PDB file of N, CA and C in Angstrom:
ATOM      1  N   UNK A   1     -59.076  -3.345  52.741  1.00  0.00           N
ATOM      2  CA  UNK A   1     -58.922  -4.222  51.534  1.00  0.00           C
ATOM      3  C   UNK A   1     -58.216  -3.489  50.328  1.00  0.00           C
ATOM      4  N   UNK A   2     -58.262  -2.157  50.208  1.00  0.00           N
ATOM      5  CA  UNK A   2     -57.712  -1.575  49.013  1.00  0.00           C
ATOM      6  C   UNK A   2     -56.244  -1.982  48.888  1.00  0.00           C
ATOM      7  N   UNK A   3     -55.473  -2.111  49.834  1.00  0.00           N
ATOM      8  CA  UNK A   3     -54.000  -2.516  49.699  1.00  0.00           C
ATOM      9  C   UNK A   3     -53.896  -3.863  48.991  1.00  0.00           C
ATOM     10  N   UNK A   4     -54.791  -4.815  49.384  1.00  0.00           N
ATOM     11  CA  UNK A   4     -54.764  -6.075  48.685  1.00  0.00           C
ATOM     12  C   UNK A   4     -55.136  -6.004  47.276  1.00  0.00           C
ATOM     13  N   UNK A   5     -56.150  -5.151  46.933  1.00  0.00           N
ATOM     14  CA  UNK A   5     -56.426  -4.983  45.549  1.00  0.00           C
ATOM     15  C   UNK A   5     -55.331  -4.421  44.712  1.00  0.00           C
ATOM     16  N   UNK A   6     -54.550  -3.525  45.313  1.00  0.00           N
ATOM     17  CA  UNK A   6     -53.435  -2.876  44.648  1.00  0.00           C
ATOM     18  C   UNK A   6     -52.352  -3.952  44.331  1.00  0.00           C
ATOM     19  N   UNK A   7     -52.099  -4.757  45.333  1.00  0.00           N
ATOM     20  CA  UNK A   7     -51.160  -5.856  45.130  1.00  0.00           C
ATOM     21  C   UNK A   7     -51.648  -6.829  44.090  1.00  0.00           C
ATOM     22  N   UNK A   8     -52.896  -7.178  44.039  1.00  0.00           N
ATOM     23  CA  UNK A   8     -53.438  -8.101  43.040  1.00  0.00           C
ATOM     24  C   UNK A   8     -53.296  -7.499  41.606  1.00  0.00           C
ATOM     25  N   UNK A   9     -53.680  -6.128  41.521  1.00  0.00           N
ATOM     26  CA  UNK A   9     -53.434  -5.534  40.234  1.00  0.00           C
ATOM     27  C   UNK A   9     -51.983  -5.542  39.774  1.00  0.00           C
ATOM     28  N   UNK A  10     -51.135  -5.182  40.644  1.00  0.00           N
ATOM     29  CA  UNK A  10     -49.692  -5.177  40.355  1.00  0.00           C
ATOM     30  C   UNK A  10     -49.166  -6.535  39.936  1.00  0.00           C
ATOM     31  N   UNK A  11     -49.586  -7.494  40.630  1.00  0.00           N
ATOM     32  CA  UNK A  11     -49.207  -8.985  40.354  1.00  0.00           C
ATOM     33  C   UNK A  11     -49.685  -9.286  38.979  1.00  0.00           C
ATOM     34  N   UNK A  12     -50.987  -8.946  38.668  1.00  0.00           N
ATOM     35  CA  UNK A  12     -51.555  -9.291  37.387  1.00  0.00           C
ATOM     36  C   UNK A  12     -50.792  -8.609  36.242  1.00  0.00           C
ATOM     37  N   UNK A  13     -50.434  -7.298  36.517  1.00  0.00           N
ATOM     38  CA  UNK A  13     -49.580  -6.555  35.507  1.00  0.00           C
ATOM     39  C   UNK A  13     -48.265  -7.171  35.290  1.00  0.00           C
ATOM     40  N   UNK A  14     -47.614  -7.522  36.355  1.00  0.00           N
ATOM     41  CA  UNK A  14     -46.335  -8.251  36.265  1.00  0.00           C
ATOM     42  C   UNK A  14     -46.431  -9.565  35.503  1.00  0.00           C
ATOM     43  N   UNK A  15     -47.475 -10.316  35.791  1.00  0.00           N
ATOM     44  CA  UNK A  15     -47.654 -11.612  35.116  1.00  0.00           C
ATOM     45  C   UNK A  15     -47.933 -11.359  33.643  1.00  0.00           C
ATOM     46  N   UNK A  16     -48.732 -10.385  33.247  1.00  0.00           N
ATOM     47  CA  UNK A  16     -49.037 -10.099  31.847  1.00  0.00           C
ATOM     48  C   UNK A  16     -47.731  -9.663  31.130  1.00  0.00           C
ATOM     49  N   UNK A  17     -47.002  -8.818  31.810  1.00  0.00           N
ATOM     50  CA  UNK A  17     -45.726  -8.377  31.168  1.00  0.00           C
ATOM     51  C   UNK A  17     -44.791  -9.513  30.964  1.00  0.00           C
ATOM     52  N   UNK A  18     -44.686 -10.359  32.003  1.00  0.00           N
ATOM     53  CA  UNK A  18     -43.715 -11.559  31.928  1.00  0.00           C
ATOM     54  C   UNK A  18     -44.229 -12.458  30.762  1.00  0.00           C
ATOM     55  N   UNK A  19     -45.514 -12.660  30.673  1.00  0.00           N
ATOM     56  CA  UNK A  19     -46.062 -13.540  29.639  1.00  0.00           C
ATOM     57  C   UNK A  19     -45.806 -12.999  28.259  1.00  0.00           C
ATOM     58  N   UNK A  20     -45.927 -11.695  28.064  1.00  0.00           N
ATOM     59  CA  UNK A  20     -45.580 -11.045  26.794  1.00  0.00           C
ATOM     60  C   UNK A  20     -44.050 -11.243  26.416  1.00  0.00           C
ATOM     61  N   UNK A  21     -43.159 -11.088  27.468  1.00  0.00           N
ATOM     62  CA  UNK A  21     -41.770 -11.248  27.240  1.00  0.00           C
ATOM     63  C   UNK A  21     -41.470 -12.707  26.801  1.00  0.00           C
ATOM     64  N   UNK A  22     -42.089 -13.624  27.462  1.00  0.00           N
ATOM     65  CA  UNK A  22     -41.901 -15.003  27.182  1.00  0.00           C
ATOM     66  C   UNK A  22     -42.369 -15.315  25.737  1.00  0.00           C
ATOM     67  N   UNK A  23     -43.473 -14.848  25.399  1.00  0.00           N
ATOM     68  CA  UNK A  23     -44.021 -15.065  24.067  1.00  0.00           C
ATOM     69  C   UNK A  23     -43.125 -14.483  23.020  1.00  0.00           C
ATOM     70  N   UNK A  24     -42.589 -13.267  23.254  1.00  0.00           N
ATOM     71  CA  UNK A  24     -41.703 -12.676  22.349  1.00  0.00           C
ATOM     72  C   UNK A  24     -40.375 -13.480  22.173  1.00  0.00           C
ATOM     73  N   UNK A  25     -39.857 -13.930  23.384  1.00  0.00           N
ATOM     74  CA  UNK A  25     -38.654 -14.833  23.314  1.00  0.00           C
ATOM     75  C   UNK A  25     -38.903 -16.077  22.587  1.00  0.00           C
ATOM     76  N   UNK A  26     -40.064 -16.648  22.753  1.00  0.00           N
ATOM     77  CA  UNK A  26     -40.360 -17.931  22.082  1.00  0.00           C
ATOM     78  C   UNK A  26     -40.518 -17.726  20.563  1.00  0.00           C
ATOM     79  N   UNK A  27     -41.065 -16.612  20.126  1.00  0.00           N
ATOM     80  CA  UNK A  27     -41.223 -16.331  18.722  1.00  0.00           C
ATOM     81  C   UNK A  27     -39.801 -16.155  18.132  1.00  0.00           C
ATOM     82  N   UNK A  28     -38.999 -15.424  18.826  1.00  0.00           N
ATOM     83  CA  UNK A  28     -37.620 -15.218  18.339  1.00  0.00           C
ATOM     84  C   UNK A  28     -36.902 -16.540  18.181  1.00  0.00           C
ATOM     85  N   UNK A  29     -37.028 -17.378  19.148  1.00  0.00           N
ATOM     86  CA  UNK A  29     -36.385 -18.702  19.080  1.00  0.00           C
ATOM     87  C   UNK A  29     -36.916 -19.514  17.972  1.00  0.00           C
ATOM     88  N   UNK A  30     -38.228 -19.502  17.767  1.00  0.00           N
ATOM     89  CA  UNK A  30     -38.865 -20.291  16.601  1.00  0.00           C
ATOM     90  C   UNK A  30     -38.423 -19.731  15.321  1.00  0.00           C
ATOM     91  N   UNK A  31     -38.325 -18.459  15.234  1.00  0.00           N
ATOM     92  CA  UNK A  31     -37.786 -17.909  13.942  1.00  0.00           C
ATOM     93  C   UNK A  31     -36.385 -18.289  13.592  1.00  0.00           C
ATOM     94  N   UNK A  32     -35.516 -18.335  14.656  1.00  0.00           N
ATOM     95  CA  UNK A  32     -34.106 -18.784  14.470  1.00  0.00           C
ATOM     96  C   UNK A  32     -34.101 -20.298  14.091  1.00  0.00           C
ATOM     97  N   UNK A  33     -34.863 -21.114  14.773  1.00  0.00           N
ATOM     98  CA  UNK A  33     -34.911 -22.548  14.458  1.00  0.00           C
ATOM     99  C   UNK A  33     -35.383 -22.682  12.973  1.00  0.00           C
ATOM    100  N   UNK A  34     -36.409 -22.042  12.651  1.00  0.00           N
ATOM    101  CA  UNK A  34     -36.922 -22.120  11.239  1.00  0.00           C
ATOM    102  C   UNK A  34     -35.852 -21.708  10.258  1.00  0.00           C
ATOM    103  N   UNK A  35     -35.135 -20.575  10.505  1.00  0.00           N
ATOM    104  CA  UNK A  35     -34.120 -20.083   9.605  1.00  0.00           C
ATOM    105  C   UNK A  35     -33.035 -21.199   9.540  1.00  0.00           C
ATOM    106  N   UNK A  36     -32.628 -21.815  10.566  1.00  0.00           N
ATOM    107  CA  UNK A  36     -31.586 -22.793  10.546  1.00  0.00           C
ATOM    108  C   UNK A  36     -32.043 -24.017   9.835  1.00  0.00           C
ATOM    109  N   UNK A  37     -33.233 -24.395   9.951  1.00  0.00           N
ATOM    110  CA  UNK A  37     -33.750 -25.584   9.285  1.00  0.00           C
ATOM    111  C   UNK A  37     -33.712 -25.358   7.813  1.00  0.00           C
ATOM    112  N   UNK A  38     -34.220 -24.227   7.307  1.00  0.00           N
ATOM    113  CA  UNK A  38     -34.271 -23.839   5.979  1.00  0.00           C
ATOM    114  C   UNK A  38     -32.762 -23.813   5.395  1.00  0.00           C
ATOM    115  N   UNK A  39     -31.896 -23.194   6.135  1.00  0.00           N
ATOM    116  CA  UNK A  39     -30.517 -23.138   5.716  1.00  0.00           C
ATOM    117  C   UNK A  39     -29.957 -24.548   5.636  1.00  0.00           C
ATOM    118  N   UNK A  40     -30.255 -25.413   6.571  1.00  0.00           N
ATOM    119  CA  UNK A  40     -29.777 -26.801   6.480  1.00  0.00           C
ATOM    120  C   UNK A  40     -30.275 -27.559   5.332  1.00  0.00           C
ATOM    121  N   UNK A  41     -31.609 -27.372   5.108  1.00  0.00           N
ATOM    122  CA  UNK A  41     -32.207 -28.075   3.982  1.00  0.00           C
ATOM    123  C   UNK A  41     -31.626 -27.586   2.657  1.00  0.00           C
ATOM    124  N   UNK A  42     -31.416 -26.231   2.564  1.00  0.00           N
ATOM    125  CA  UNK A  42     -30.906 -25.670   1.295  1.00  0.00           C
ATOM    126  C   UNK A  42     -29.524 -26.166   1.051  1.00  0.00           C
ATOM    127  N   UNK A  43     -28.653 -26.238   2.117  1.00  0.00           N
ATOM    128  CA  UNK A  43     -27.237 -26.675   1.921  1.00  0.00           C
ATOM    129  C   UNK A  43     -27.248 -28.172   1.558  1.00  0.00           C
ATOM    130  N   UNK A  44     -28.131 -28.925   2.173  1.00  0.00           N
ATOM    131  CA  UNK A  44     -28.171 -30.373   1.866  1.00  0.00           C
ATOM    132  C   UNK A  44     -28.546 -30.644   0.421  1.00  0.00           C
ATOM    133  N   UNK A  45     -29.571 -29.858  -0.075  1.00  0.00           N
ATOM    134  CA  UNK A  45     -30.011 -30.047  -1.434  1.00  0.00           C
ATOM    135  C   UNK A  45     -28.947 -29.630  -2.497  1.00  0.00           C
ATOM    136  N   UNK A  46     -28.252 -28.575  -2.038  1.00  0.00           N
ATOM    137  CA  UNK A  46     -27.160 -28.052  -2.934  1.00  0.00           C
ATOM    138  C   UNK A  46     -26.010 -29.033  -3.107  1.00  0.00           C
ATOM    139  N   UNK A  47     -25.715 -29.783  -1.992  1.00  0.00           N
ATOM    140  CA  UNK A  47     -24.573 -30.709  -2.030  1.00  0.00           C
ATOM    141  C   UNK A  47     -24.888 -32.064  -2.590  1.00  0.00           C
ATOM    142  N   UNK A  48     -26.184 -32.379  -2.684  1.00  0.00           N
ATOM    143  CA  UNK A  48     -26.539 -33.657  -3.256  1.00  0.00           C
ATOM    144  C   UNK A  48     -26.774 -33.674  -4.747  1.00  0.00           C
TER     145      UNK A  48
END
């Protein structure tokens, strides 16, 4: 059974790493969206 345990640990590590990458990408995306919204609101207010 040790081989199976090693595979499980490796799979869990890969899953954790993937989850962290996804979370990081999501935060970057949200930061960009927020910046664009603020930029859009600012330019709209300036022109009105």
